[in-house]
Amino acid sequence: MADNADRANDLVLERLDRTLAARVPAQPGRVLEECEECGDPIPFERVQALAKMECLRCVECQGYHERRVRG
């Protein structure tokens, strides 16, 4: 019985390895030097804080954008 369980486990792990190997690595988001809304420079610290996310707006414009989107 343990042999069947071992084979099933090996099969699951093999499929998982193939699935993970086939994944496309995440692409970093667009980063702008100036806010796309007001044109003010986006501080380097803000870009770093967002890591691999998009950074398109300064803090103030991003807050306004989020409030506008929520309705």
PDB file of N, CA and C in Angstrom:
ATOM      1  N   MET A   1       0.819  -1.188   0.000  1.00  0.00           N
ATOM      2  CA  MET A   1       0.000   0.000   0.000  1.00  0.00           C
ATOM      3  C   MET A   1       0.868   1.259   0.000  1.00  0.00           C
ATOM      4  N   ALA A   2       1.953   1.241   0.725  1.00  0.00           N
ATOM      5  CA  ALA A   2       2.830   2.401   0.775  1.00  0.00           C
ATOM      6  C   ALA A   2       3.455   2.669  -0.594  1.00  0.00           C
ATOM      7  N   ASP A   3       3.676   1.638  -1.377  1.00  0.00           N
ATOM      8  CA  ASP A   3       4.257   1.827  -2.706  1.00  0.00           C
ATOM      9  C   ASP A   3       3.335   2.654  -3.601  1.00  0.00           C
ATOM     10  N   ASN A   4       2.032   2.375  -3.570  1.00  0.00           N
ATOM     11  CA  ASN A   4       1.081   3.147  -4.366  1.00  0.00           C
ATOM     12  C   ASN A   4       1.018   4.596  -3.900  1.00  0.00           C
ATOM     13  N   ALA A   5       1.049   4.790  -2.614  1.00  0.00           N
ATOM     14  CA  ALA A   5       1.024   6.146  -2.067  1.00  0.00           C
ATOM     15  C   ALA A   5       2.297   6.896  -2.451  1.00  0.00           C
ATOM     16  N   ASP A   6       3.432   6.239  -2.420  1.00  0.00           N
ATOM     17  CA  ASP A   6       4.692   6.868  -2.810  1.00  0.00           C
ATOM     18  C   ASP A   6       4.673   7.268  -4.288  1.00  0.00           C
ATOM     19  N   ARG A   7       4.153   6.386  -5.129  1.00  0.00           N
ATOM     20  CA  ARG A   7       4.076   6.689  -6.558  1.00  0.00           C
ATOM     21  C   ARG A   7       3.128   7.851  -6.825  1.00  0.00           C
ATOM     22  N   ALA A   8       2.012   7.862  -6.119  1.00  0.00           N
ATOM     23  CA  ALA A   8       1.059   8.962  -6.286  1.00  0.00           C
ATOM     24  C   ALA A   8       1.684  10.277  -5.838  1.00  0.00           C
ATOM     25  N   ASN A   9       2.384  10.238  -4.731  1.00  0.00           N
ATOM     26  CA  ASN A   9       3.054  11.439  -4.232  1.00  0.00           C
ATOM     27  C   ASN A   9       4.114  11.910  -5.218  1.00  0.00           C
ATOM     28  N   ASP A  10       4.888  10.988  -5.762  1.00  0.00           N
ATOM     29  CA  ASP A  10       5.910  11.345  -6.744  1.00  0.00           C
ATOM     30  C   ASP A  10       5.279  11.979  -7.989  1.00  0.00           C
ATOM     31  N   LEU A  11       4.147  11.445  -8.427  1.00  0.00           N
ATOM     32  CA  LEU A  11       3.449  11.976  -9.592  1.00  0.00           C
ATOM     33  C   LEU A  11       2.956  13.402  -9.333  1.00  0.00           C
ATOM     34  N   VAL A  12       2.401  13.628  -8.172  1.00  0.00           N
ATOM     35  CA  VAL A  12       1.926  14.968  -7.815  1.00  0.00           C
ATOM     36  C   VAL A  12       3.091  15.955  -7.771  1.00  0.00           C
ATOM     37  N   LEU A  13       4.181  15.560  -7.160  1.00  0.00           N
ATOM     38  CA  LEU A  13       5.350  16.438  -7.087  1.00  0.00           C
ATOM     39  C   LEU A  13       5.929  16.723  -8.473  1.00  0.00           C
ATOM     40  N   GLU A  14       5.960  15.731  -9.336  1.00  0.00           N
ATOM     41  CA  GLU A  14       6.459  15.918 -10.695  1.00  0.00           C
ATOM     42  C   GLU A  14       5.583  16.910 -11.467  1.00  0.00           C
ATOM     43  N   ARG A  15       4.283  16.770 -11.349  1.00  0.00           N
ATOM     44  CA  ARG A  15       3.361  17.694 -12.033  1.00  0.00           C
ATOM     45  C   ARG A  15       3.499  19.109 -11.470  1.00  0.00           C
ATOM     46  N   LEU A  16       3.658  19.216 -10.171  1.00  0.00           N
ATOM     47  CA  LEU A  16       3.846  20.518  -9.547  1.00  0.00           C
ATOM     48  C   LEU A  16       5.140  21.171 -10.035  1.00  0.00           C
ATOM     49  N   ASP A  17       6.205  20.389 -10.114  1.00  0.00           N
ATOM     50  CA  ASP A  17       7.483  20.914 -10.614  1.00  0.00           C
ATOM     51  C   ASP A  17       7.351  21.409 -12.049  1.00  0.00           C
ATOM     52  N   ARG A  18       6.651  20.653 -12.904  1.00  0.00           N
ATOM     53  CA  ARG A  18       6.454  21.065 -14.294  1.00  0.00           C
ATOM     54  C   ARG A  18       5.627  22.340 -14.381  1.00  0.00           C
ATOM     55  N   THR A  19       4.591  22.417 -13.565  1.00  0.00           N
ATOM     56  CA  THR A  19       3.731  23.597 -13.562  1.00  0.00           C
ATOM     57  C   THR A  19       4.500  24.835 -13.130  1.00  0.00           C
ATOM     58  N   LEU A  20       5.289  24.697 -12.078  1.00  0.00           N
ATOM     59  CA  LEU A  20       6.078  25.831 -11.591  1.00  0.00           C
ATOM     60  C   LEU A  20       7.151  26.238 -12.598  1.00  0.00           C
ATOM     61  N   ALA A  21       7.757  25.280 -13.264  1.00  0.00           N
ATOM     62  CA  ALA A  21       8.794  25.576 -14.247  1.00  0.00           C
ATOM     63  C   ALA A  21       8.209  26.283 -15.472  1.00  0.00           C
ATOM     64  N   ALA A  22       6.945  26.030 -15.779  1.00  0.00           N
ATOM     65  CA  ALA A  22       6.315  26.621 -16.956  1.00  0.00           C
ATOM     66  C   ALA A  22       5.791  28.035 -16.713  1.00  0.00           C
ATOM     67  N   ARG A  23       5.747  28.445 -15.468  1.00  0.00           N
ATOM     68  CA  ARG A  23       5.228  29.776 -15.152  1.00  0.00           C
ATOM     69  C   ARG A  23       6.134  30.858 -15.714  1.00  0.00           C
ATOM     70  N   VAL A  24       5.518  31.932 -16.147  1.00  0.00           N
ATOM     71  CA  VAL A  24       6.263  33.089 -16.633  1.00  0.00           C
ATOM     72  C   VAL A  24       6.583  33.951 -15.422  1.00  0.00           C
ATOM     73  N   PRO A  25       7.834  34.330 -15.259  1.00  0.00           N
ATOM     74  CA  PRO A  25       8.173  35.167 -14.109  1.00  0.00           C
ATOM     75  C   PRO A  25       7.425  36.501 -14.163  1.00  0.00           C
ATOM     76  N   ALA A  26       7.095  37.022 -13.007  1.00  0.00           N
ATOM     77  CA  ALA A  26       6.361  38.275 -12.923  1.00  0.00           C
ATOM     78  C   ALA A  26       7.211  39.417 -13.475  1.00  0.00           C
ATOM     79  N   GLN A  27       6.585  40.227 -14.284  1.00  0.00           N
ATOM     80  CA  GLN A  27       7.256  41.390 -14.841  1.00  0.00           C
ATOM     81  C   GLN A  27       7.041  42.586 -13.917  1.00  0.00           C
ATOM     82  N   PRO A  28       8.059  43.369 -13.704  1.00  0.00           N
ATOM     83  CA  PRO A  28       7.853  44.565 -12.880  1.00  0.00           C
ATOM     84  C   PRO A  28       6.896  45.523 -13.584  1.00  0.00           C
ATOM     85  N   GLY A  29       6.150  46.265 -12.787  1.00  0.00           N
ATOM     86  CA  GLY A  29       5.201  47.213 -13.341  1.00  0.00           C
ATOM     87  C   GLY A  29       5.890  48.439 -13.914  1.00  0.00           C
ATOM     88  N   ARG A  30       5.112  49.219 -14.646  1.00  0.00           N
ATOM     89  CA  ARG A  30       5.656  50.465 -15.201  1.00  0.00           C
ATOM     90  C   ARG A  30       5.998  51.427 -14.077  1.00  0.00           C
ATOM     91  N   VAL A  31       7.073  52.141 -14.235  1.00  0.00           N
ATOM     92  CA  VAL A  31       7.501  53.139 -13.262  1.00  0.00           C
ATOM     93  C   VAL A  31       7.785  54.428 -14.027  1.00  0.00           C
ATOM     94  N   LEU A  32       7.185  55.506 -13.567  1.00  0.00           N
ATOM     95  CA  LEU A  32       7.408  56.804 -14.199  1.00  0.00           C
ATOM     96  C   LEU A  32       8.228  57.692 -13.275  1.00  0.00           C
ATOM     97  N   GLU A  33       8.965  58.610 -13.868  1.00  0.00           N
ATOM     98  CA  GLU A  33       9.742  59.564 -13.075  1.00  0.00           C
ATOM     99  C   GLU A  33       8.875  60.730 -12.642  1.00  0.00           C
ATOM    100  N   GLU A  34       7.819  61.014 -13.424  1.00  0.00           N
ATOM    101  CA  GLU A  34       6.909  62.103 -13.104  1.00  0.00           C
ATOM    102  C   GLU A  34       5.492  61.569 -13.031  1.00  0.00           C
ATOM    103  N   CYS A  35       4.698  62.152 -12.135  1.00  0.00           N
ATOM    104  CA  CYS A  35       3.303  61.755 -11.964  1.00  0.00           C
ATOM    105  C   CYS A  35       2.556  61.962 -13.276  1.00  0.00           C
ATOM    106  N   GLU A  36       1.795  60.961 -13.708  1.00  0.00           N
ATOM    107  CA  GLU A  36       1.073  61.083 -14.965  1.00  0.00           C
ATOM    108  C   GLU A  36      -0.115  62.039 -14.863  1.00  0.00           C
ATOM    109  N   GLU A  37      -0.493  62.424 -13.654  1.00  0.00           N
ATOM    110  CA  GLU A  37      -1.627  63.341 -13.485  1.00  0.00           C
ATOM    111  C   GLU A  37      -1.174  64.788 -13.328  1.00  0.00           C
ATOM    112  N   CYS A  38      -0.229  65.060 -12.419  1.00  0.00           N
ATOM    113  CA  CYS A  38       0.151  66.452 -12.139  1.00  0.00           C
ATOM    114  C   CYS A  38       1.521  66.825 -12.684  1.00  0.00           C
ATOM    115  N   GLY A  39       2.331  65.843 -13.068  1.00  0.00           N
ATOM    116  CA  GLY A  39       3.649  66.128 -13.623  1.00  0.00           C
ATOM    117  C   GLY A  39       4.751  66.334 -12.600  1.00  0.00           C
ATOM    118  N   ASP A  40       4.417  66.287 -11.310  1.00  0.00           N
ATOM    119  CA  ASP A  40       5.437  66.423 -10.270  1.00  0.00           C
ATOM    120  C   ASP A  40       6.341  65.190 -10.260  1.00  0.00           C
ATOM    121  N   PRO A  41       7.608  65.366  -9.889  1.00  0.00           N
ATOM    122  CA  PRO A  41       8.511  64.208  -9.789  1.00  0.00           C
ATOM    123  C   PRO A  41       8.007  63.220  -8.733  1.00  0.00           C
ATOM    124  N   ILE A  42       8.151  61.931  -9.025  1.00  0.00           N
ATOM    125  CA  ILE A  42       7.803  60.885  -8.055  1.00  0.00           C
ATOM    126  C   ILE A  42       9.076  60.568  -7.280  1.00  0.00           C
ATOM    127  N   PRO A  43       9.045  60.729  -5.948  1.00  0.00           N
ATOM    128  CA  PRO A  43      10.256  60.474  -5.154  1.00  0.00           C
ATOM    129  C   PRO A  43      10.757  59.037  -5.311  1.00  0.00           C
ATOM    130  N   PHE A  44      12.071  58.899  -5.363  1.00  0.00           N
ATOM    131  CA  PHE A  44      12.707  57.587  -5.496  1.00  0.00           C
ATOM    132  C   PHE A  44      12.262  56.644  -4.376  1.00  0.00           C
ATOM    133  N   GLU A  45      12.068  57.193  -3.181  1.00  0.00           N
ATOM    134  CA  GLU A  45      11.652  56.375  -2.040  1.00  0.00           C
ATOM    135  C   GLU A  45      10.284  55.738  -2.289  1.00  0.00           C
ATOM    136  N   ARG A  46       9.366  56.482  -2.945  1.00  0.00           N
ATOM    137  CA  ARG A  46       8.040  55.935  -3.258  1.00  0.00           C
ATOM    138  C   ARG A  46       8.171  54.782  -4.240  1.00  0.00           C
ATOM    139  N   VAL A  47       8.991  54.957  -5.240  1.00  0.00           N
ATOM    140  CA  VAL A  47       9.203  53.899  -6.238  1.00  0.00           C
ATOM    141  C   VAL A  47       9.758  52.653  -5.557  1.00  0.00           C
ATOM    142  N   GLN A  48      10.735  52.838  -4.659  1.00  0.00           N
ATOM    143  CA  GLN A  48      11.307  51.697  -3.939  1.00  0.00           C
ATOM    144  C   GLN A  48      10.276  51.031  -3.041  1.00  0.00           C
ATOM    145  N   ALA A  49       9.437  51.817  -2.383  1.00  0.00           N
ATOM    146  CA  ALA A  49       8.440  51.264  -1.463  1.00  0.00           C
ATOM    147  C   ALA A  49       7.419  50.396  -2.191  1.00  0.00           C
ATOM    148  N   LEU A  50       7.147  50.718  -3.437  1.00  0.00           N
ATOM    149  CA  LEU A  50       6.168  49.937  -4.196  1.00  0.00           C
ATOM    150  C   LEU A  50       6.778  48.687  -4.809  1.00  0.00           C
ATOM    151  N   ALA A  51       8.073  48.526  -4.662  1.00  0.00           N
ATOM    152  CA  ALA A  51       8.804  47.342  -5.138  1.00  0.00           C
ATOM    153  C   ALA A  51       8.497  47.074  -6.607  1.00  0.00           C
ATOM    154  N   LYS A  52       7.817  45.975  -6.910  1.00  0.00           N
ATOM    155  CA  LYS A  52       7.602  45.567  -8.298  1.00  0.00           C
ATOM    156  C   LYS A  52       6.209  45.921  -8.811  1.00  0.00           C
ATOM    157  N   MET A  53       5.590  46.884  -8.171  1.00  0.00           N
ATOM    158  CA  MET A  53       4.267  47.320  -8.610  1.00  0.00           C
ATOM    159  C   MET A  53       4.411  48.545  -9.507  1.00  0.00           C
ATOM    160  N   GLU A  54       3.325  48.906 -10.183  1.00  0.00           N
ATOM    161  CA  GLU A  54       3.344  50.115 -10.986  1.00  0.00           C
ATOM    162  C   GLU A  54       3.446  51.341 -10.096  1.00  0.00           C
ATOM    163  N   CYS A  55       4.154  52.319 -10.548  1.00  0.00           N
ATOM    164  CA  CYS A  55       4.260  53.590  -9.845  1.00  0.00           C
ATOM    165  C   CYS A  55       4.046  54.678 -10.889  1.00  0.00           C
ATOM    166  N   LEU A  56       2.804  55.143 -10.992  1.00  0.00           N
ATOM    167  CA  LEU A  56       2.439  56.090 -12.037  1.00  0.00           C
ATOM    168  C   LEU A  56       2.067  57.464 -11.516  1.00  0.00           C
ATOM    169  N   ARG A  57       1.758  57.552 -10.203  1.00  0.00           N
ATOM    170  CA  ARG A  57       1.268  58.809  -9.639  1.00  0.00           C
ATOM    171  C   ARG A  57       1.987  59.120  -8.336  1.00  0.00           C
ATOM    172  N   CYS A  58       2.030  60.413  -8.003  1.00  0.00           N
ATOM    173  CA  CYS A  58       2.543  60.816  -6.701  1.00  0.00           C
ATOM    174  C   CYS A  58       1.522  60.398  -5.638  1.00  0.00           C
ATOM    175  N   VAL A  59       1.888  60.513  -4.388  1.00  0.00           N
ATOM    176  CA  VAL A  59       1.014  60.060  -3.296  1.00  0.00           C
ATOM    177  C   VAL A  59      -0.333  60.780  -3.324  1.00  0.00           C
ATOM    178  N   GLU A  60      -0.303  62.085  -3.504  1.00  0.00           N
ATOM    179  CA  GLU A  60      -1.546  62.862  -3.479  1.00  0.00           C
ATOM    180  C   GLU A  60      -2.477  62.462  -4.620  1.00  0.00           C
ATOM    181  N   CYS A  61      -1.933  62.370  -5.823  1.00  0.00           N
ATOM    182  CA  CYS A  61      -2.757  62.011  -6.984  1.00  0.00           C
ATOM    183  C   CYS A  61      -3.249  60.567  -6.888  1.00  0.00           C
ATOM    184  N   GLN A  62      -2.434  59.667  -6.329  1.00  0.00           N
ATOM    185  CA  GLN A  62      -2.863  58.286  -6.163  1.00  0.00           C
ATOM    186  C   GLN A  62      -4.044  58.210  -5.206  1.00  0.00           C
ATOM    187  N   GLY A  63      -3.995  58.975  -4.109  1.00  0.00           N
ATOM    188  CA  GLY A  63      -5.104  59.001  -3.172  1.00  0.00           C
ATOM    189  C   GLY A  63      -6.379  59.519  -3.829  1.00  0.00           C
ATOM    190  N   TYR A  64      -6.247  60.599  -4.612  1.00  0.00           N
ATOM    191  CA  TYR A  64      -7.400  61.152  -5.321  1.00  0.00           C
ATOM    192  C   TYR A  64      -7.940  60.125  -6.321  1.00  0.00           C
ATOM    193  N   HIS A  65      -7.048  59.467  -7.042  1.00  0.00           N
ATOM    194  CA  HIS A  65      -7.448  58.447  -8.029  1.00  0.00           C
ATOM    195  C   HIS A  65      -8.229  57.315  -7.356  1.00  0.00           C
ATOM    196  N   GLU A  66      -7.733  56.828  -6.231  1.00  0.00           N
ATOM    197  CA  GLU A  66      -8.404  55.727  -5.530  1.00  0.00           C
ATOM    198  C   GLU A  66      -9.791  56.150  -5.020  1.00  0.00           C
ATOM    199  N   ARG A  67      -9.914  57.367  -4.513  1.00  0.00           N
ATOM    200  CA  ARG A  67     -11.233  57.850  -4.058  1.00  0.00           C
ATOM    201  C   ARG A  67     -12.193  57.989  -5.236  1.00  0.00           C
ATOM    202  N   ARG A  68     -11.684  58.451  -6.375  1.00  0.00           N
ATOM    203  CA  ARG A  68     -12.500  58.625  -7.568  1.00  0.00           C
ATOM    204  C   ARG A  68     -12.985  57.277  -8.099  1.00  0.00           C
ATOM    205  N   VAL A  69     -12.104  56.271  -8.089  1.00  0.00           N
ATOM    206  CA  VAL A  69     -12.454  54.933  -8.587  1.00  0.00           C
ATOM    207  C   VAL A  69     -13.507  54.275  -7.711  1.00  0.00           C
ATOM    208  N   ARG A  70     -13.396  54.465  -6.398  1.00  0.00           N
ATOM    209  CA  ARG A  70     -14.365  53.871  -5.467  1.00  0.00           C
ATOM    210  C   ARG A  70     -15.746  54.481  -5.614  1.00  0.00           C
ATOM    211  N   GLY A  71     -15.810  55.676  -6.142  1.00  0.00           N
ATOM    212  CA  GLY A  71     -17.109  56.312  -6.379  1.00  0.00           C
ATOM    213  C   GLY A  71     -17.433  57.239  -5.315  1.00  0.00           C
TER     214      GLY A  71
END
